[in-house]
Protein backbone atom coordinates (compact mmCIF):
# COMPACT_ATOMS: atom_id res chain seq x y z
CA MET A 1 7.88 -81.98 22.06
CA GLY A 2 10.65 -80.98 18.89
CA THR A 3 10.74 -82.75 15.68
CA VAL A 4 11.97 -86.35 14.92
CA TYR A 5 14.15 -86.35 12.04
CA ILE A 6 14.56 -89.37 9.58
CA PHE A 7 17.60 -89.01 7.74
CA LEU A 8 17.77 -90.54 4.01
CA ALA A 9 20.83 -91.33 1.90
CA GLU A 10 21.07 -92.97 -1.70
CA GLY A 11 19.03 -96.92 -1.58
CA PHE A 12 17.27 -96.46 1.42
CA GLU A 13 14.76 -98.83 2.76
CA GLU A 14 11.61 -97.01 1.24
CA ILE A 15 9.02 -98.92 3.69
CA GLU A 16 11.50 -98.19 6.97
CA ALA A 17 11.80 -94.54 5.91
CA LEU A 18 7.97 -93.80 4.52
CA SER A 19 6.09 -96.01 7.20
CA VAL A 20 7.79 -94.04 10.37
CA VAL A 21 7.36 -90.39 8.32
CA ASP A 22 3.39 -91.54 7.80
CA ILE A 23 2.89 -92.97 11.36
CA LEU A 24 4.42 -90.52 13.18
CA ARG A 25 2.43 -87.92 11.32
CA ARG A 26 -0.65 -89.66 11.85
CA ALA A 27 -0.13 -89.62 15.36
CA GLY A 28 0.66 -85.94 15.71
CA ILE A 29 4.13 -85.94 15.80
CA SER A 30 6.52 -83.24 13.62
CA ALA A 31 8.46 -85.89 11.48
CA LYS A 32 11.00 -84.69 8.72
CA THR A 33 13.42 -85.92 6.73
CA VAL A 34 16.53 -84.84 5.56
CA SER A 35 18.91 -85.85 2.71
CA VAL A 36 22.55 -86.65 3.25
CA ALA A 37 22.74 -87.15 -0.53
CA GLY A 38 23.52 -83.65 -1.11
CA ASN A 39 20.30 -82.43 -2.96
CA ASN A 40 16.51 -83.40 -1.62
CA ILE A 41 15.65 -85.95 -4.21
CA VAL A 42 17.15 -89.20 -2.97
CA ALA A 43 16.58 -92.57 -4.44
CA GLY A 44 15.25 -95.55 -2.21
CA ALA A 45 16.72 -98.76 -2.66
CA HIS A 46 13.87 -99.95 -4.96
CA GLY A 47 13.89 -97.06 -7.34
CA ILE A 48 11.29 -95.24 -5.55
CA SER A 49 12.88 -91.65 -5.62
CA VAL A 50 11.18 -89.24 -2.36
CA VAL A 51 11.73 -85.30 -1.72
CA ALA A 52 13.04 -85.01 1.71
CA ASP A 53 11.65 -81.96 3.56
CA LEU A 54 15.63 -80.75 4.07
CA ALA A 55 18.96 -81.01 3.32
CA PHE A 56 21.51 -82.00 5.68
CA GLU A 57 23.90 -78.81 4.94
CA LYS A 58 20.61 -76.49 5.60
CA ALA A 59 18.90 -78.38 8.54
CA ASN A 60 19.03 -76.85 11.95
CA PHE A 61 18.36 -79.58 14.36
CA ALA A 62 17.93 -77.44 17.60
CA ASP A 63 14.53 -78.67 17.83
CA ALA A 64 15.24 -82.53 17.42
CA ALA A 65 13.78 -85.13 19.67
CA MET A 66 14.87 -87.84 17.81
CA LEU A 67 17.52 -89.23 15.03
CA VAL A 68 15.88 -92.20 13.31
CA LEU A 69 17.72 -94.05 10.55
CA PRO A 70 16.02 -96.40 7.67
CA GLY A 71 18.22 -99.64 6.33
CA GLY A 72 18.52 -100.12 2.99
CA MET A 73 21.75 -100.89 0.90
CA PRO A 74 23.96 -98.82 0.07
CA GLY A 75 21.63 -96.59 2.60
CA ALA A 76 22.80 -97.47 5.66
CA SER A 77 26.64 -97.13 4.87
CA GLY A 78 25.76 -93.43 3.40
CA LEU A 79 24.48 -92.38 6.27
CA ASP A 80 27.36 -94.14 8.51
CA ALA A 81 29.95 -92.58 5.94
CA HIS A 82 28.45 -89.09 7.15
CA LYS A 83 30.76 -87.19 8.90
CA GLY A 84 28.35 -84.75 10.00
CA LEU A 85 25.44 -87.14 10.67
CA ARG A 86 27.80 -89.09 12.95
CA ASP A 87 28.67 -85.99 14.51
CA LEU A 88 25.05 -85.17 15.32
CA ILE A 89 24.87 -88.89 16.18
CA LEU A 90 27.16 -88.43 18.60
CA SER A 91 26.08 -85.01 20.14
CA PHE A 92 22.80 -86.88 20.78
CA ALA A 93 24.06 -89.66 22.36
CA LYS A 94 26.48 -87.09 24.68
CA ALA A 95 23.24 -85.58 25.59
CA ASN A 96 21.30 -88.32 26.28
CA LYS A 97 18.94 -88.01 23.68
CA PRO A 98 16.93 -90.94 21.59
CA LEU A 99 18.22 -92.39 18.65
CA ALA A 100 16.12 -95.15 16.92
CA ALA A 101 17.37 -97.77 13.48
CA ILE A 102 16.19 -100.13 11.76
CA CYS A 103 17.08 -103.06 9.43
CA ALA A 104 20.71 -102.32 8.37
CA ALA A 105 21.06 -98.79 9.88
CA PRO A 106 22.30 -99.73 13.52
CA LEU A 107 25.47 -100.49 12.20
CA VAL A 108 25.56 -96.86 12.52
CA TYR A 109 25.18 -96.79 16.06
CA GLY A 110 26.94 -99.72 16.56
CA ASN A 111 30.12 -98.40 14.70
CA LEU A 112 29.97 -95.37 16.95
CA GLY A 113 30.19 -97.73 19.85
CA LEU A 114 27.13 -96.79 21.38
CA LEU A 115 25.53 -100.10 21.15
CA LYS A 116 27.97 -101.56 23.84
CA GLY A 117 26.01 -103.14 26.57
CA LYS A 118 22.95 -102.65 25.04
CA HIS A 119 19.98 -104.96 23.70
CA ALA A 120 19.62 -104.36 20.18
CA THR A 121 18.60 -106.00 16.94
CA CYS A 122 19.07 -105.84 13.18
CA TYR A 123 18.62 -107.56 9.60
CA PRO A 124 20.33 -110.66 9.82
CA GLY A 125 23.82 -110.44 8.97
CA PHE A 126 24.88 -107.40 10.31
CA GLU A 127 25.23 -108.21 14.09
CA LYS A 128 28.87 -108.14 13.09
CA PHE A 129 29.09 -104.10 13.27
CA LEU A 130 27.09 -104.06 16.50
CA GLU A 131 29.80 -104.84 18.73
CA GLY A 132 29.05 -105.05 22.38
CA ALA A 133 25.64 -104.96 21.59
CA ILE A 134 23.18 -107.81 23.51
CA LEU A 135 21.42 -109.35 19.92
CA THR A 136 18.07 -110.15 20.22
CA ARG A 137 16.45 -111.92 17.94
CA ASP A 138 13.06 -113.56 19.35
CA LYS A 139 11.72 -109.75 18.61
CA ALA A 140 11.22 -107.75 16.05
CA VAL A 141 11.95 -104.40 17.74
CA VAL A 142 13.76 -103.69 20.68
CA ARG A 143 13.87 -100.47 22.92
CA ASP A 144 16.83 -100.74 25.53
CA GLY A 145 16.61 -97.39 27.15
CA LEU A 146 17.09 -94.08 24.54
CA PHE A 147 17.59 -96.82 21.68
CA ILE A 148 14.74 -98.38 19.23
CA THR A 149 16.30 -100.61 16.76
CA ALA A 150 14.04 -102.90 14.50
CA GLU A 151 14.85 -105.83 12.19
CA GLY A 152 13.73 -105.00 8.56
CA PRO A 153 11.39 -104.10 6.37
CA ALA A 154 8.85 -106.38 7.59
CA ALA A 155 8.72 -104.44 11.01
CA ALA A 156 8.94 -100.72 9.85
CA PRO A 157 5.19 -100.33 11.26
CA ALA A 158 5.70 -101.97 14.38
CA PHE A 159 8.86 -99.69 14.63
CA ALA A 160 7.14 -96.40 14.24
CA LEU A 161 4.59 -97.26 16.28
CA GLU A 162 7.54 -97.60 19.22
CA ILE A 163 8.36 -94.80 18.46
CA VAL A 164 5.15 -93.18 18.94
CA ASP A 165 5.00 -94.96 22.50
CA TYR A 166 8.19 -93.46 23.29
CA PHE A 167 6.67 -90.04 23.09
CA LEU A 168 3.06 -90.57 23.48
CA GLY A 169 2.65 -93.97 25.40
CA LYS A 170 0.71 -96.64 24.70
CA GLU A 171 -2.72 -95.40 24.34
CA LYS A 172 -2.00 -93.24 21.79
CA ALA A 173 0.23 -95.60 20.10
CA ASN A 174 -2.51 -98.83 20.23
CA GLU A 175 -4.82 -95.87 19.05
CA ILE A 176 -3.01 -95.65 15.63
CA ALA A 177 -2.44 -99.08 15.16
CA LYS A 178 -6.34 -99.64 15.50
CA GLY A 179 -6.97 -96.79 13.01
CA MET A 180 -4.26 -98.71 10.96
CA LEU A 181 -5.85 -102.51 11.58
CA VAL A 182 -2.69 -103.08 12.88
CA ARG A 183 -3.35 -106.17 14.88
CA ASN A 184 -1.25 -107.24 17.40
């Protein structure tokens, strides 16, 4: 399996990005953060600065297994505005590779028209960006084929565990959840 890349723009939601990195690494999945901010130090929405593993401009995504977009504002808007990331996402979609986004970040996939006819969720108030999606409000995390979306910060561990499930199965996801004392 390749690497899961988690993209960081200024104002990203820290818990959504770092929970994914932490939980994937606990599961033995290669996970790397990528800055789209022009340098490797990216400030989160709550003043926590993170040193990204890579800068987008210097990254080679040949081994990419999944692209993950954390939410937060203005982080999600920053991801949406990054042409290189948008092109990468479109190439992923064309190649039928998995994409995941949480909180406000599903707006990126929605704005690209990738969620049409797909079950998806997002942070309340961002539904208008998911044009053509089948909105699901009774689940914190929604998986529809190659897309995984989640509502927001409280769903971050479940979102990350769904990614583990996608790659390694329910048994491994449950093992990681149990070790973290996550209650279902």
